[in-house]
């Protein structure tokens, strides 16, 4: 059993949590906490930001929090405690930063089955977290 289990998820991709959430819950057991983390990616360019409505990022963060609260309420009726976190920025860097801030014992995340071209051209978020994390990472497929 782990005291703090971090579960980063993408609410727009149900596959990012349907298999990983039960694993996170099992790792936390009755005495642990599952920390749900939703991330609003950084826009990355001031030029792009000028085309977005004023307050876009703040609105996106608020919507993410509300959606995570709904998921937590529907999925965690009994069992481990649940905490909701919303991050902003580069996905893998945000996951590692939040894991450090909450004192996570393990990170549980879903990953799609890689294909050769994707592996060569593009590093997945799970791959980046696994490579750079100082704590254990469980990748669920």
N, C-alpha and C. Protein backbone atom coordinates (compact mmCIF):
# COMPACT_ATOMS: atom_id res chain seq x y z
N UNK A 1 0.84 -1.18 0.00
CA UNK A 1 0.00 0.00 0.00
C UNK A 1 0.89 1.24 0.00
N UNK A 2 0.44 2.25 -0.72
CA UNK A 2 1.16 3.51 -0.83
C UNK A 2 0.34 4.63 -0.20
N UNK A 3 1.04 5.56 0.40
CA UNK A 3 0.39 6.68 1.07
C UNK A 3 -0.16 7.69 0.07
N UNK A 4 0.61 8.04 -0.96
CA UNK A 4 0.22 9.04 -1.95
C UNK A 4 0.46 8.49 -3.36
N UNK A 5 -0.62 8.31 -4.09
CA UNK A 5 -0.56 7.79 -5.46
C UNK A 5 -1.00 8.91 -6.40
N UNK A 6 -0.14 9.28 -7.33
CA UNK A 6 -0.46 10.33 -8.30
C UNK A 6 -0.99 9.70 -9.57
N UNK A 7 -2.17 10.14 -10.01
CA UNK A 7 -2.79 9.65 -11.23
C UNK A 7 -3.04 10.82 -12.18
N UNK A 8 -2.08 11.10 -13.08
CA UNK A 8 -2.33 12.13 -14.08
C UNK A 8 -3.29 11.58 -15.13
N UNK A 9 -4.23 12.41 -15.56
CA UNK A 9 -5.16 11.93 -16.57
C UNK A 9 -5.58 13.04 -17.51
N UNK A 10 -6.02 12.61 -18.67
CA UNK A 10 -6.53 13.51 -19.69
C UNK A 10 -8.01 13.22 -19.82
N UNK A 11 -8.84 14.10 -19.33
CA UNK A 11 -10.28 13.85 -19.30
C UNK A 11 -10.89 13.74 -20.69
N UNK A 12 -10.22 14.28 -21.70
CA UNK A 12 -10.73 14.17 -23.07
C UNK A 12 -10.43 12.80 -23.67
N UNK A 13 -9.57 12.03 -23.01
CA UNK A 13 -9.20 10.69 -23.47
C UNK A 13 -9.55 9.70 -22.37
N UNK A 14 -10.72 9.10 -22.45
CA UNK A 14 -11.16 8.18 -21.40
C UNK A 14 -10.15 7.06 -21.16
N UNK A 15 -9.43 6.67 -22.19
CA UNK A 15 -8.43 5.61 -22.04
C UNK A 15 -7.30 6.01 -21.09
N UNK A 16 -7.16 7.32 -20.82
CA UNK A 16 -6.09 7.76 -19.92
C UNK A 16 -6.40 7.46 -18.47
N UNK A 17 -7.63 7.03 -18.19
CA UNK A 17 -7.94 6.77 -16.78
C UNK A 17 -8.77 5.52 -16.53
N UNK A 18 -9.45 4.95 -17.52
CA UNK A 18 -10.33 3.82 -17.23
C UNK A 18 -9.58 2.61 -16.69
N UNK A 19 -8.40 2.32 -17.20
CA UNK A 19 -7.62 1.19 -16.68
C UNK A 19 -6.70 1.62 -15.55
N UNK A 20 -6.21 2.84 -15.61
CA UNK A 20 -5.24 3.30 -14.61
C UNK A 20 -5.90 3.63 -13.27
N UNK A 21 -7.13 4.13 -13.29
CA UNK A 21 -7.80 4.51 -12.04
C UNK A 21 -7.97 3.33 -11.09
N UNK A 22 -8.45 2.17 -11.54
CA UNK A 22 -8.55 1.04 -10.61
C UNK A 22 -7.19 0.61 -10.05
N UNK A 23 -6.15 0.71 -10.85
CA UNK A 23 -4.81 0.36 -10.38
C UNK A 23 -4.35 1.34 -9.30
N UNK A 24 -4.59 2.62 -9.53
CA UNK A 24 -4.21 3.64 -8.54
C UNK A 24 -4.97 3.43 -7.24
N UNK A 25 -6.26 3.15 -7.37
CA UNK A 25 -7.09 2.90 -6.18
C UNK A 25 -6.57 1.70 -5.40
N UNK A 26 -6.22 0.64 -6.09
CA UNK A 26 -5.71 -0.57 -5.43
C UNK A 26 -4.37 -0.29 -4.74
N UNK A 27 -3.50 0.49 -5.36
CA UNK A 27 -2.21 0.81 -4.75
C UNK A 27 -2.37 1.66 -3.50
N UNK A 28 -3.36 2.54 -3.50
CA UNK A 28 -3.59 3.41 -2.33
C UNK A 28 -4.24 2.64 -1.19
N UNK A 29 -5.01 1.61 -1.51
CA UNK A 29 -5.68 0.84 -0.45
C UNK A 29 -6.61 1.72 0.36
N UNK A 30 -6.89 1.29 1.59
CA UNK A 30 -7.81 2.04 2.45
C UNK A 30 -7.16 3.23 3.15
N UNK A 31 -5.84 3.20 3.35
CA UNK A 31 -5.20 4.27 4.11
C UNK A 31 -4.51 5.32 3.27
N UNK A 32 -4.49 5.14 1.96
CA UNK A 32 -3.77 6.08 1.10
C UNK A 32 -4.68 7.09 0.43
N UNK A 33 -4.07 7.95 -0.35
CA UNK A 33 -4.79 8.97 -1.10
C UNK A 33 -4.41 8.88 -2.56
N UNK A 34 -5.42 8.89 -3.42
CA UNK A 34 -5.19 8.99 -4.86
C UNK A 34 -5.30 10.47 -5.23
N UNK A 35 -4.26 10.98 -5.83
CA UNK A 35 -4.21 12.38 -6.25
C UNK A 35 -4.46 12.44 -7.75
N UNK A 36 -5.65 12.91 -8.13
CA UNK A 36 -5.97 13.06 -9.54
C UNK A 36 -5.35 14.36 -10.04
N UNK A 37 -4.68 14.29 -11.17
CA UNK A 37 -4.02 15.47 -11.73
C UNK A 37 -4.47 15.68 -13.17
N UNK A 38 -5.09 16.81 -13.41
CA UNK A 38 -5.41 17.24 -14.76
C UNK A 38 -4.48 18.37 -15.13
N UNK A 39 -4.05 18.39 -16.37
CA UNK A 39 -3.07 19.39 -16.80
C UNK A 39 -3.61 20.17 -17.99
N UNK A 40 -3.57 21.48 -17.87
CA UNK A 40 -3.87 22.36 -18.99
C UNK A 40 -2.52 22.70 -19.60
N UNK A 41 -2.26 22.21 -20.82
CA UNK A 41 -0.94 22.45 -21.43
C UNK A 41 -0.70 23.94 -21.66
N UNK A 42 0.56 24.30 -21.55
CA UNK A 42 0.96 25.68 -21.82
C UNK A 42 0.78 25.95 -23.30
N UNK A 43 0.30 27.12 -23.63
CA UNK A 43 0.09 27.49 -25.04
C UNK A 43 1.41 27.50 -25.78
N UNK A 44 2.46 27.93 -25.12
CA UNK A 44 3.80 27.82 -25.68
C UNK A 44 4.25 28.96 -26.56
N UNK A 45 3.36 29.81 -26.99
CA UNK A 45 3.76 30.89 -27.87
C UNK A 45 2.93 32.13 -27.56
N UNK A 46 3.60 33.23 -27.39
CA UNK A 46 2.86 34.47 -27.12
C UNK A 46 2.06 34.88 -28.35
N UNK A 47 2.51 34.50 -29.54
CA UNK A 47 1.77 34.83 -30.75
C UNK A 47 0.43 34.09 -30.76
N UNK A 48 0.43 32.82 -30.38
CA UNK A 48 -0.81 32.05 -30.32
C UNK A 48 -1.72 32.64 -29.25
N UNK A 49 -1.16 33.01 -28.13
CA UNK A 49 -1.95 33.54 -27.01
C UNK A 49 -2.72 34.80 -27.41
N UNK A 50 -2.18 35.60 -28.33
CA UNK A 50 -2.87 36.83 -28.72
C UNK A 50 -4.17 36.54 -29.47
N UNK A 51 -4.32 35.35 -30.03
CA UNK A 51 -5.54 35.00 -30.76
C UNK A 51 -6.61 34.38 -29.87
N UNK A 52 -6.27 34.07 -28.63
CA UNK A 52 -7.22 33.45 -27.71
C UNK A 52 -7.97 34.53 -26.94
N UNK A 53 -9.19 34.22 -26.52
CA UNK A 53 -9.95 35.21 -25.74
C UNK A 53 -9.27 35.52 -24.42
N UNK A 54 -9.50 36.71 -23.92
CA UNK A 54 -8.92 37.13 -22.64
C UNK A 54 -9.42 36.19 -21.54
N UNK A 55 -8.51 35.75 -20.70
CA UNK A 55 -8.86 34.85 -19.60
C UNK A 55 -9.01 33.39 -20.01
N UNK A 56 -8.55 33.03 -21.21
CA UNK A 56 -8.70 31.67 -21.71
C UNK A 56 -8.08 30.63 -20.77
N UNK A 57 -6.84 30.86 -20.35
CA UNK A 57 -6.16 29.88 -19.50
C UNK A 57 -6.84 29.75 -18.14
N UNK A 58 -7.23 30.86 -17.54
CA UNK A 58 -7.92 30.80 -16.24
C UNK A 58 -9.23 30.03 -16.36
N UNK A 59 -9.95 30.26 -17.45
CA UNK A 59 -11.21 29.54 -17.67
C UNK A 59 -10.94 28.04 -17.86
N UNK A 60 -9.90 27.71 -18.63
CA UNK A 60 -9.56 26.30 -18.87
C UNK A 60 -9.17 25.61 -17.56
N UNK A 61 -8.44 26.30 -16.70
CA UNK A 61 -8.06 25.72 -15.41
C UNK A 61 -9.29 25.49 -14.53
N UNK A 62 -10.21 26.43 -14.51
CA UNK A 62 -11.44 26.29 -13.73
C UNK A 62 -12.30 25.14 -14.23
N UNK A 63 -12.41 25.02 -15.55
CA UNK A 63 -13.19 23.92 -16.14
C UNK A 63 -12.56 22.57 -15.83
N UNK A 64 -11.23 22.52 -15.87
CA UNK A 64 -10.52 21.27 -15.55
C UNK A 64 -10.79 20.87 -14.11
N UNK A 65 -10.73 21.82 -13.19
CA UNK A 65 -10.98 21.54 -11.77
C UNK A 65 -12.39 21.01 -11.57
N UNK A 66 -13.37 21.64 -12.20
CA UNK A 66 -14.76 21.20 -12.05
C UNK A 66 -14.95 19.79 -12.61
N UNK A 67 -14.35 19.50 -13.73
CA UNK A 67 -14.47 18.17 -14.33
C UNK A 67 -13.80 17.11 -13.46
N UNK A 68 -12.64 17.43 -12.89
CA UNK A 68 -11.95 16.49 -12.00
C UNK A 68 -12.77 16.26 -10.72
N UNK A 69 -13.38 17.32 -10.20
CA UNK A 69 -14.23 17.17 -9.02
C UNK A 69 -15.39 16.22 -9.30
N UNK A 70 -16.00 16.34 -10.49
CA UNK A 70 -17.11 15.45 -10.86
C UNK A 70 -16.63 14.00 -10.98
N UNK A 71 -15.48 13.80 -11.59
CA UNK A 71 -14.92 12.46 -11.72
C UNK A 71 -14.62 11.87 -10.35
N UNK A 72 -14.02 12.65 -9.49
CA UNK A 72 -13.69 12.18 -8.14
C UNK A 72 -14.95 11.78 -7.39
N UNK A 73 -16.00 12.58 -7.50
CA UNK A 73 -17.25 12.28 -6.80
C UNK A 73 -17.90 11.00 -7.33
N UNK A 74 -17.80 10.77 -8.63
CA UNK A 74 -18.46 9.59 -9.21
C UNK A 74 -17.63 8.31 -9.03
N UNK A 75 -16.32 8.41 -8.95
CA UNK A 75 -15.47 7.22 -8.91
C UNK A 75 -14.98 6.82 -7.52
N UNK A 76 -15.07 7.72 -6.54
CA UNK A 76 -14.50 7.44 -5.23
C UNK A 76 -15.55 7.52 -4.13
N UNK A 77 -16.58 6.70 -4.24
CA UNK A 77 -17.59 6.67 -3.19
C UNK A 77 -17.04 6.09 -1.90
N UNK A 78 -16.25 5.02 -2.03
CA UNK A 78 -15.63 4.40 -0.85
C UNK A 78 -14.22 3.97 -1.23
N UNK A 79 -13.43 3.65 -0.26
CA UNK A 79 -12.05 3.26 -0.53
C UNK A 79 -11.09 4.36 -0.16
N UNK A 80 -10.04 4.52 -0.95
CA UNK A 80 -9.02 5.52 -0.59
C UNK A 80 -9.56 6.94 -0.72
N UNK A 81 -8.89 7.84 -0.01
CA UNK A 81 -9.22 9.26 -0.14
C UNK A 81 -8.80 9.72 -1.53
N UNK A 82 -9.38 10.81 -1.96
CA UNK A 82 -9.03 11.38 -3.26
C UNK A 82 -8.79 12.87 -3.10
N UNK A 83 -7.79 13.37 -3.80
CA UNK A 83 -7.50 14.80 -3.84
C UNK A 83 -7.39 15.19 -5.32
N UNK A 84 -7.81 16.39 -5.63
CA UNK A 84 -7.81 16.87 -7.01
C UNK A 84 -6.79 17.99 -7.16
N UNK A 85 -6.01 17.90 -8.22
CA UNK A 85 -4.98 18.91 -8.52
C UNK A 85 -5.09 19.30 -9.99
N UNK A 86 -4.88 20.57 -10.27
CA UNK A 86 -4.85 21.05 -11.64
C UNK A 86 -3.50 21.70 -11.86
N UNK A 87 -2.82 21.26 -12.91
CA UNK A 87 -1.52 21.82 -13.25
C UNK A 87 -1.60 22.58 -14.57
N UNK A 88 -0.57 23.35 -14.82
CA UNK A 88 -0.49 24.13 -16.04
C UNK A 88 0.95 24.13 -16.53
N UNK A 89 1.15 23.79 -17.78
CA UNK A 89 2.49 23.81 -18.34
C UNK A 89 2.77 22.58 -19.18
N UNK A 90 4.05 22.27 -19.32
CA UNK A 90 4.49 21.09 -20.06
C UNK A 90 4.05 19.85 -19.29
N UNK A 91 3.44 18.88 -19.97
CA UNK A 91 2.78 17.77 -19.30
C UNK A 91 3.72 16.97 -18.41
N UNK A 92 4.79 16.41 -18.95
CA UNK A 92 5.65 15.55 -18.12
C UNK A 92 6.34 16.34 -17.01
N UNK A 93 6.74 17.56 -17.28
CA UNK A 93 7.37 18.38 -16.24
C UNK A 93 6.37 18.68 -15.12
N UNK A 94 5.13 18.93 -15.47
CA UNK A 94 4.10 19.21 -14.47
C UNK A 94 3.83 17.98 -13.62
N UNK A 95 3.77 16.81 -14.24
CA UNK A 95 3.56 15.57 -13.50
C UNK A 95 4.67 15.38 -12.47
N UNK A 96 5.91 15.54 -12.88
CA UNK A 96 7.05 15.34 -11.96
C UNK A 96 7.06 16.40 -10.86
N UNK A 97 6.71 17.64 -11.19
CA UNK A 97 6.68 18.70 -10.18
C UNK A 97 5.60 18.42 -9.13
N UNK A 98 4.41 18.06 -9.59
CA UNK A 98 3.31 17.80 -8.65
C UNK A 98 3.62 16.57 -7.81
N UNK A 99 4.23 15.55 -8.41
CA UNK A 99 4.61 14.36 -7.64
C UNK A 99 5.54 14.74 -6.49
N UNK A 100 6.47 15.63 -6.75
CA UNK A 100 7.39 16.09 -5.72
C UNK A 100 6.66 16.91 -4.66
N UNK A 101 5.79 17.80 -5.08
CA UNK A 101 5.06 18.67 -4.15
C UNK A 101 4.17 17.90 -3.19
N UNK A 102 3.54 16.83 -3.67
CA UNK A 102 2.61 16.09 -2.80
C UNK A 102 3.29 14.93 -2.08
N UNK A 103 4.57 14.70 -2.37
CA UNK A 103 5.27 13.58 -1.75
C UNK A 103 4.75 12.24 -2.24
N UNK A 104 4.49 12.15 -3.55
CA UNK A 104 3.96 10.91 -4.12
C UNK A 104 4.94 9.76 -3.92
N UNK A 105 4.38 8.58 -3.64
CA UNK A 105 5.17 7.36 -3.53
C UNK A 105 5.29 6.65 -4.87
N UNK A 106 4.28 6.85 -5.72
CA UNK A 106 4.23 6.19 -7.02
C UNK A 106 3.36 7.03 -7.95
N UNK A 107 3.68 6.98 -9.24
CA UNK A 107 2.88 7.62 -10.27
C UNK A 107 2.26 6.50 -11.10
N UNK A 108 0.96 6.57 -11.31
CA UNK A 108 0.27 5.59 -12.15
C UNK A 108 -0.26 6.34 -13.36
N UNK A 109 0.10 5.87 -14.55
CA UNK A 109 -0.40 6.53 -15.75
C UNK A 109 -0.63 5.54 -16.87
N UNK A 110 -1.56 5.88 -17.73
CA UNK A 110 -1.86 5.05 -18.88
C UNK A 110 -0.97 5.46 -20.04
N UNK A 111 -0.75 4.51 -20.91
CA UNK A 111 0.02 4.78 -22.11
C UNK A 111 -0.54 3.94 -23.24
N UNK A 112 -0.63 4.54 -24.41
CA UNK A 112 -1.07 3.79 -25.57
C UNK A 112 0.04 2.85 -26.01
N UNK A 113 -0.35 1.78 -26.66
CA UNK A 113 0.63 0.85 -27.21
C UNK A 113 1.45 1.60 -28.25
N UNK A 114 2.76 1.65 -28.09
CA UNK A 114 3.57 2.42 -29.04
C UNK A 114 3.69 1.71 -30.38
N UNK A 115 3.84 2.51 -31.42
CA UNK A 115 4.21 1.93 -32.71
C UNK A 115 5.61 2.44 -33.04
N UNK A 116 6.27 1.80 -33.97
CA UNK A 116 7.68 2.14 -34.24
C UNK A 116 7.87 3.59 -34.66
N UNK A 117 7.04 4.08 -35.57
CA UNK A 117 7.21 5.45 -36.05
C UNK A 117 7.02 6.45 -34.92
N UNK A 118 5.99 6.24 -34.11
CA UNK A 118 5.73 7.15 -32.99
C UNK A 118 6.91 7.12 -32.02
N UNK A 119 7.48 5.95 -31.77
CA UNK A 119 8.60 5.84 -30.84
C UNK A 119 9.82 6.59 -31.35
N UNK A 120 10.04 6.57 -32.65
CA UNK A 120 11.21 7.23 -33.22
C UNK A 120 11.02 8.75 -33.26
N UNK A 121 9.84 9.19 -33.70
CA UNK A 121 9.61 10.61 -33.93
C UNK A 121 9.22 11.40 -32.70
N UNK A 122 8.58 10.75 -31.76
CA UNK A 122 7.92 11.50 -30.71
C UNK A 122 7.99 10.73 -29.40
N UNK A 123 8.46 11.35 -28.38
CA UNK A 123 8.51 10.72 -27.07
C UNK A 123 7.19 10.95 -26.35
N UNK A 124 6.56 9.90 -25.86
CA UNK A 124 5.30 10.06 -25.16
C UNK A 124 5.53 10.68 -23.78
N UNK A 125 4.45 11.20 -23.21
CA UNK A 125 4.54 11.77 -21.87
C UNK A 125 4.93 10.70 -20.86
N UNK A 126 4.35 9.51 -21.00
CA UNK A 126 4.68 8.42 -20.08
C UNK A 126 6.16 8.07 -20.16
N UNK A 127 6.68 8.03 -21.36
CA UNK A 127 8.10 7.72 -21.54
C UNK A 127 8.97 8.76 -20.85
N UNK A 128 8.63 10.01 -21.01
CA UNK A 128 9.40 11.08 -20.38
C UNK A 128 9.33 11.00 -18.86
N UNK A 129 8.14 10.72 -18.32
CA UNK A 129 7.99 10.61 -16.87
C UNK A 129 8.80 9.43 -16.35
N UNK A 130 8.71 8.29 -17.03
CA UNK A 130 9.47 7.10 -16.60
C UNK A 130 10.96 7.39 -16.58
N UNK A 131 11.45 8.04 -17.61
CA UNK A 131 12.89 8.32 -17.70
C UNK A 131 13.39 9.27 -16.63
N UNK A 132 12.56 10.23 -16.23
CA UNK A 132 13.05 11.29 -15.34
C UNK A 132 12.54 11.21 -13.91
N UNK A 133 11.64 10.30 -13.61
CA UNK A 133 11.05 10.25 -12.28
C UNK A 133 11.99 9.62 -11.24
N UNK A 134 12.11 10.25 -10.08
CA UNK A 134 12.91 9.64 -9.01
C UNK A 134 12.12 8.59 -8.22
N UNK A 135 10.81 8.47 -8.50
CA UNK A 135 9.99 7.47 -7.81
C UNK A 135 9.45 6.47 -8.84
N UNK A 136 8.88 5.40 -8.35
CA UNK A 136 8.36 4.37 -9.24
C UNK A 136 7.20 4.90 -10.07
N UNK A 137 7.12 4.40 -11.29
CA UNK A 137 6.04 4.76 -12.21
C UNK A 137 5.42 3.47 -12.72
N UNK A 138 4.10 3.34 -12.55
CA UNK A 138 3.40 2.19 -13.10
C UNK A 138 2.70 2.64 -14.37
N UNK A 139 3.06 2.04 -15.50
CA UNK A 139 2.44 2.35 -16.77
C UNK A 139 1.42 1.27 -17.07
N UNK A 140 0.18 1.69 -17.23
CA UNK A 140 -0.93 0.76 -17.43
C UNK A 140 -1.34 0.81 -18.91
N UNK A 141 -1.51 -0.37 -19.49
CA UNK A 141 -1.97 -0.45 -20.90
C UNK A 141 -3.21 -1.26 -20.97
